[in-house]
Structure formats: C-alpha cells, structure tokens
Amino acid sequence: MVVVFVVTITDDDQPENPPPPRAHTESTTANAPSTTSSQSRPPTVDMFGNRLEVPADDAGATLPQILDGRIDPARPDYLTAAPARLQWQRIWGGAAVPVSGSDGPARIDGGVAAGFARTPQGAALAAMDAIGRAYAAPDPLWQNVIRARFYGGGDALIEGFARSRASAPGMARFVTVPEGVRIQPGYRDDLAVVQLAVRSTSGYAIATWPMVWVEGDWRIRVPDDVDTLWGSGTSTVSTAGFGIWRQS
C-alpha cells in the first residue's frame, strides 16, 4: 500500500518535552551552492526534537555534490544507509525535507527540487522531498511539485492533494524526520521501493513509496487508484531493519 505518511501522526502525538536537537556536520565543496551560517537563519526542530536547518530561501537550499561520497553498493547496508552529509531543512515554515552532499538534490528551481542520484539513497531523498513540498509549498508551487515529482495521477492527484491540504492547513508540520528509512530488496536503477517508518499512535507506521526513474530523475509512481495514497500505513512496534537518517 502507498501512504501519505503525514496522516499517521496527530496532535496527540506531539511530545510535551521534545529531546534536544542533534549537532550537524560540516563538509567540503563541489558544484552547487551550499547552505552556510551566513546564508541561513537559526536552526529549529521538528515536533519530535530533530534538528532542522532553516535556509534563507523558504524553498530550501542545496549542498555541494561530491560523487565519491556515495554509498558503496558492496556495503551490506547499501539499502538502508543514509547519504553523505545528510541535512534536514524546514521549508516554507513547515515540512522537514532532506538534502545530501552526495545523492541530491542538485538544484531547486521555482520551488521544485531535482537532480537526485540514481541510487537507493537518491530515490529515498526524492520520495521524502516530494511529499514535504506537496504539503508545504504555497499556491501555485505545490501543483508544480506534483506535476514534476509524481508520475501518473493527473488532475485527480492534484484534486486529492487540494482536498487534503484544505482539510488540515497546518499539515506540513507533521512531515517530520522519519524514525527509519529503507529500500526494499530487489532495487534496480529504474525502480526503488522506498519504505519510511514514522511515529503513530500505536508505535510506528510504515509508508511504502514506489519510485521510478523517468526523464533523468526519480518520481513517485502514483497507483491507478489515487485515493489509496491517503490510506493508513502498515503498523509495527519496531524499526528493526531500517536505517537511521537523522542529522548527526
């Protein structure tokens, strides 16, 4: 089942005393503009206390891409390991989206992120970015995100997101740093099945996102029945087998 993972979290799940934010790492240069202290606003946290950078541009900022920092496919954790120089950013005052210094995004144009690596990490980054932007971006940018970052669905998909956004205008803040990330076995460079574990009232919910490589980038493959996007996730009490993708 494909799930919009933000709907698995409710106001009742917000902790009264969030844990302290985690420090983030600094790194080297390459070919895209980086987020630096002089360009950014003070950091903040998501509703669970995970550190979020706040770029000067509400649409976010890319990091320099260093290709030799990508995960070695021979590593046993290739399908769960976080990309190099992972950073989480708050965009448009709401959703948390990831950027990396190895697997994308390489650019953000008109509020739409693009240039994700043809790797498991690139697919997972693209999935989380697309959902965050679909809920956080203002009109008419969020519609452009859906047209660029989703494959299939057409007008029905845009109408579904419009209804979802209207029913809960503050929903973007529930797009938080996931508790775990993994790509299912059988990954190929034209299809990656990304799974995200997020907090829910009963423990964790697993959202599954098929990602397809189309026209040089990863896109969410929309199911024939668009309404299934707003179904409930698969419940679990453990995140065993998932990788930790928090900023360190």
Protein backbone atom coordinates (compact mmCIF):
# COMPACT_ATOMS: atom_id res chain seq x y z
CA MET A 1 0.00 0.00 0.00
CA VAL A 2 1.16 3.52 -0.78
CA VAL A 3 0.57 6.00 2.00
CA VAL A 4 0.85 9.72 2.60
CA PHE A 5 2.79 9.32 5.81
CA VAL A 6 1.82 12.64 7.36
CA VAL A 7 -1.66 11.37 8.13
CA THR A 8 -0.34 8.79 10.58
CA ILE A 9 0.59 11.47 13.11
CA THR A 10 -1.92 13.51 15.11
CA ASP A 11 -1.75 16.43 17.52
CA ASP A 12 -1.94 13.96 20.39
CA ASP A 13 1.42 12.52 19.34
CA GLN A 14 3.35 15.74 19.90
CA PRO A 15 5.76 15.29 22.84
CA GLU A 16 5.45 17.74 25.72
CA ASN A 17 9.24 17.87 26.12
CA PRO A 18 10.98 17.20 22.80
CA PRO A 19 14.51 15.75 23.02
CA PRO A 20 17.40 18.16 22.46
CA PRO A 21 18.46 18.80 18.86
CA ARG A 22 21.39 16.90 17.42
CA ALA A 23 24.52 18.60 16.14
CA HIS A 24 25.17 18.60 12.40
CA THR A 25 28.35 18.00 10.46
CA GLU A 26 30.21 20.30 8.07
CA SER A 27 31.91 19.21 4.85
CA THR A 28 33.69 20.22 1.67
CA THR A 29 32.97 21.82 -1.69
CA ALA A 30 31.68 20.93 -5.15
CA ASN A 31 29.42 22.34 -7.84
CA ALA A 32 26.23 23.62 -6.15
CA PRO A 33 25.60 26.45 -3.68
CA SER A 34 25.79 25.37 -0.06
CA THR A 35 23.81 26.40 2.98
CA THR A 36 26.16 28.28 5.31
CA SER A 37 25.69 30.13 8.58
CA SER A 38 25.87 33.49 6.79
CA GLN A 39 23.08 32.46 4.41
CA SER A 40 20.85 30.65 6.90
CA ARG A 41 18.56 31.57 9.73
CA PRO A 42 18.93 29.97 13.17
CA PRO A 43 18.11 26.25 13.22
CA THR A 44 14.94 24.84 14.72
CA VAL A 45 13.49 21.38 15.48
CA ASP A 46 10.60 19.29 14.22
CA MET A 47 7.82 18.20 16.56
CA PHE A 48 10.00 15.35 17.87
CA GLY A 49 13.08 17.46 18.56
CA ASN A 50 15.11 16.59 15.45
CA ARG A 51 17.34 19.39 14.25
CA LEU A 52 16.23 21.27 11.13
CA GLU A 53 18.30 23.87 9.30
CA VAL A 54 16.40 26.97 8.15
CA PRO A 55 17.82 28.28 4.86
CA ALA A 56 17.39 31.91 3.87
CA ASP A 57 15.26 30.77 0.93
CA ASP A 58 11.95 29.28 2.10
CA ALA A 59 12.17 26.70 -0.70
CA GLY A 60 15.39 25.28 0.78
CA ALA A 61 19.00 25.15 -0.33
CA THR A 62 21.15 22.51 -1.98
CA LEU A 63 24.53 21.28 -0.81
CA PRO A 64 27.66 20.78 -2.94
CA GLN A 65 27.52 17.34 -4.53
CA ILE A 66 30.60 15.14 -4.04
CA LEU A 67 30.05 11.96 -6.01
CA ASP A 68 32.76 9.91 -4.36
CA GLY A 69 30.86 10.24 -1.08
CA ARG A 70 28.10 7.92 -2.30
CA ILE A 71 27.49 4.62 -0.53
CA ASP A 72 29.43 1.66 -1.95
CA PRO A 73 26.96 -0.86 -3.43
CA ALA A 74 29.06 -3.64 -1.89
CA ARG A 75 28.26 -2.46 1.63
CA PRO A 76 25.86 -4.76 3.47
CA ASP A 77 23.74 -1.76 4.49
CA TYR A 78 23.57 -0.33 0.96
CA LEU A 79 19.75 -0.25 1.01
CA THR A 80 19.42 1.41 4.42
CA ALA A 81 22.50 3.65 4.80
CA ALA A 82 21.99 7.41 4.85
CA PRO A 83 23.67 9.51 2.15
CA ALA A 84 26.76 11.56 2.84
CA ARG A 85 26.40 14.91 4.59
CA LEU A 86 22.70 14.46 5.23
CA GLN A 87 20.94 17.62 6.37
CA TRP A 88 17.30 18.24 7.20
CA GLN A 89 15.76 21.59 6.31
CA ARG A 90 12.49 23.28 7.18
CA ILE A 91 10.84 24.66 4.06
CA TRP A 92 8.16 27.35 3.97
CA GLY A 93 8.00 27.25 7.77
CA GLY A 94 6.53 23.74 7.77
CA ALA A 95 7.75 20.42 6.41
CA ALA A 96 11.11 18.80 7.06
CA VAL A 97 12.88 17.69 3.86
CA PRO A 98 16.30 16.06 3.47
CA VAL A 99 19.21 17.23 1.34
CA SER A 100 22.55 15.49 0.97
CA GLY A 101 26.04 16.29 -0.24
CA SER A 102 26.23 13.16 -2.39
CA ASP A 103 22.86 11.99 -3.73
CA GLY A 104 20.91 15.20 -4.28
CA PRO A 105 19.02 17.24 -4.80
CA ALA A 106 21.41 19.09 -7.08
CA ARG A 107 19.14 22.06 -7.72
CA ILE A 108 15.93 23.78 -6.63
CA ASP A 109 14.15 25.72 -9.34
CA GLY A 110 10.85 27.52 -8.75
CA GLY A 111 10.36 25.63 -5.51
CA VAL A 112 10.82 22.23 -7.18
CA ALA A 113 13.85 20.13 -6.21
CA ALA A 114 15.54 17.96 -8.85
CA GLY A 115 18.78 16.19 -9.66
CA PHE A 116 18.57 13.19 -7.35
CA ALA A 117 21.18 10.47 -7.78
CA ARG A 118 20.30 7.19 -9.50
CA THR A 119 20.93 5.32 -6.26
CA PRO A 120 18.79 3.90 -3.44
CA GLN A 121 19.65 6.97 -1.39
CA GLY A 122 18.62 9.29 -4.22
CA ALA A 123 15.28 7.53 -4.53
CA ALA A 124 14.55 7.85 -0.81
CA LEU A 125 15.58 11.51 -0.77
CA ALA A 126 13.31 12.20 -3.74
CA ALA A 127 10.33 10.49 -2.08
CA MET A 128 10.61 12.46 1.16
CA ASP A 129 11.26 15.71 -0.69
CA ALA A 130 8.21 15.30 -2.95
CA ILE A 131 5.80 14.73 -0.07
CA GLY A 132 7.22 17.57 2.00
CA ARG A 133 6.95 20.05 -0.85
CA ALA A 134 3.48 18.88 -1.88
CA TYR A 135 2.22 19.85 1.58
CA ALA A 136 4.41 22.84 2.44
CA ALA A 137 4.71 24.79 -0.81
CA PRO A 138 2.31 27.71 -1.37
CA ASP A 139 -0.01 28.11 -4.36
CA PRO A 140 0.75 27.56 -7.20
CA LEU A 141 4.11 25.94 -6.42
CA TRP A 142 2.71 22.79 -4.82
CA GLN A 143 0.85 21.93 -8.02
CA ASN A 144 4.12 22.29 -9.94
CA VAL A 145 5.80 19.94 -7.45
CA ILE A 146 3.15 17.29 -8.05
CA ARG A 147 3.43 17.58 -11.83
CA ALA A 148 7.23 17.31 -11.71
CA ARG A 149 7.85 14.85 -8.89
CA PHE A 150 4.95 12.38 -9.32
CA TYR A 151 4.36 10.04 -12.26
CA GLY A 152 0.69 9.45 -13.06
CA GLY A 153 -2.45 10.62 -11.31
CA GLY A 154 -3.15 13.67 -13.45
CA ASP A 155 -5.83 16.09 -12.29
CA ALA A 156 -7.24 13.55 -9.82
CA LEU A 157 -3.95 13.58 -7.91
CA ILE A 158 -3.88 17.37 -7.71
CA GLU A 159 -7.51 17.44 -6.60
CA GLY A 160 -6.75 14.87 -3.91
CA PHE A 161 -3.87 16.90 -2.54
CA ALA A 162 -6.00 20.04 -2.68
CA ARG A 163 -8.66 18.38 -0.52
CA SER A 164 -6.04 17.03 1.88
CA ARG A 165 -4.33 20.40 2.24
CA ALA A 166 -7.67 22.20 2.75
CA SER A 167 -8.82 19.74 5.42
CA ALA A 168 -5.73 20.41 7.56
CA PRO A 169 -3.96 23.67 6.61
CA GLY A 170 -1.14 23.06 9.12
CA MET A 171 -0.44 19.51 7.97
CA ALA A 172 3.02 20.36 6.62
CA ARG A 173 4.48 20.49 10.13
CA PHE A 174 3.62 16.81 10.54
CA VAL A 175 6.09 15.95 7.79
CA THR A 176 8.92 15.22 10.22
CA VAL A 177 12.22 13.36 10.18
CA PRO A 178 11.26 9.67 9.86
CA GLU A 179 12.26 7.14 12.50
CA GLY A 180 13.70 4.83 9.86
CA VAL A 181 14.33 4.53 6.12
CA ARG A 182 14.95 1.52 3.89
CA ILE A 183 14.73 0.44 0.29
CA GLN A 184 13.25 -3.00 -0.28
CA PRO A 185 15.46 -5.78 -1.68
CA GLY A 186 15.30 -6.06 -5.44
CA TYR A 187 16.31 -2.45 -6.04
CA ARG A 188 17.11 -1.62 -9.63
CA ASP A 189 18.07 1.69 -11.15
CA ASP A 190 14.63 2.11 -12.75
CA LEU A 191 12.53 1.11 -9.70
CA ALA A 192 13.14 1.58 -5.98
CA VAL A 193 10.53 0.70 -3.37
CA VAL A 194 11.15 3.12 -0.50
CA GLN A 195 9.75 2.48 2.97
CA LEU A 196 9.57 5.10 5.72
CA ALA A 197 8.83 4.34 9.37
CA VAL A 198 7.09 7.19 11.17
CA ARG A 199 5.64 7.55 14.64
CA SER A 200 1.97 6.73 15.12
CA THR A 201 -0.44 6.36 18.00
CA SER A 202 0.24 2.61 18.14
CA GLY A 203 4.02 2.67 17.70
CA TYR A 204 5.13 3.14 14.10
CA ALA A 205 3.50 3.16 10.69
CA ILE A 206 5.34 2.09 7.56
CA ALA A 207 4.62 4.07 4.39
CA THR A 208 5.66 2.50 1.08
CA TRP A 209 6.59 4.60 -1.94
CA PRO A 210 7.43 3.03 -5.33
CA MET A 211 9.89 5.33 -7.08
CA VAL A 212 10.50 5.18 -10.83
CA TRP A 213 13.32 6.69 -12.88
CA VAL A 214 11.70 8.87 -15.54
CA GLU A 215 13.33 11.52 -17.73
CA GLY A 216 16.52 11.60 -15.70
CA ASP A 217 15.14 11.71 -12.16
CA TRP A 218 13.18 9.78 -9.52
CA ARG A 219 9.42 10.26 -9.31
CA ILE A 220 6.75 8.78 -7.07
CA ARG A 221 4.79 6.18 -9.07
CA VAL A 222 1.14 7.01 -8.43
CA PRO A 223 -1.20 3.98 -8.11
CA ASP A 224 -4.12 3.59 -10.50
CA ASP A 225 -6.50 4.27 -7.61
CA VAL A 226 -5.25 7.68 -6.50
CA ASP A 227 -7.35 7.60 -3.33
CA THR A 228 -5.16 4.81 -1.89
CA LEU A 229 -2.47 7.43 -1.32
CA TRP A 230 -4.46 8.56 1.70
CA GLY A 231 -4.76 5.12 3.28
CA SER A 232 -3.27 4.08 6.60
CA GLY A 233 0.23 2.68 6.88
CA THR A 234 1.29 -0.79 7.98
CA SER A 235 1.56 -0.83 11.77
CA THR A 236 4.68 -2.12 13.52
CA VAL A 237 6.15 -1.93 17.01
CA SER A 238 9.78 -1.92 15.88
CA THR A 239 12.00 -0.18 13.34
CA ALA A 240 14.43 -3.11 13.13
CA GLY A 241 15.86 -3.38 9.64
CA PHE A 242 15.55 0.34 8.94
CA GLY A 243 18.39 2.82 8.66
CA ILE A 244 18.62 5.92 10.84
CA TRP A 245 18.60 9.03 8.68
CA ARG A 246 18.79 11.75 11.30
CA GLN A 247 21.29 14.55 11.03
CA SER A 248 24.41 13.69 13.06
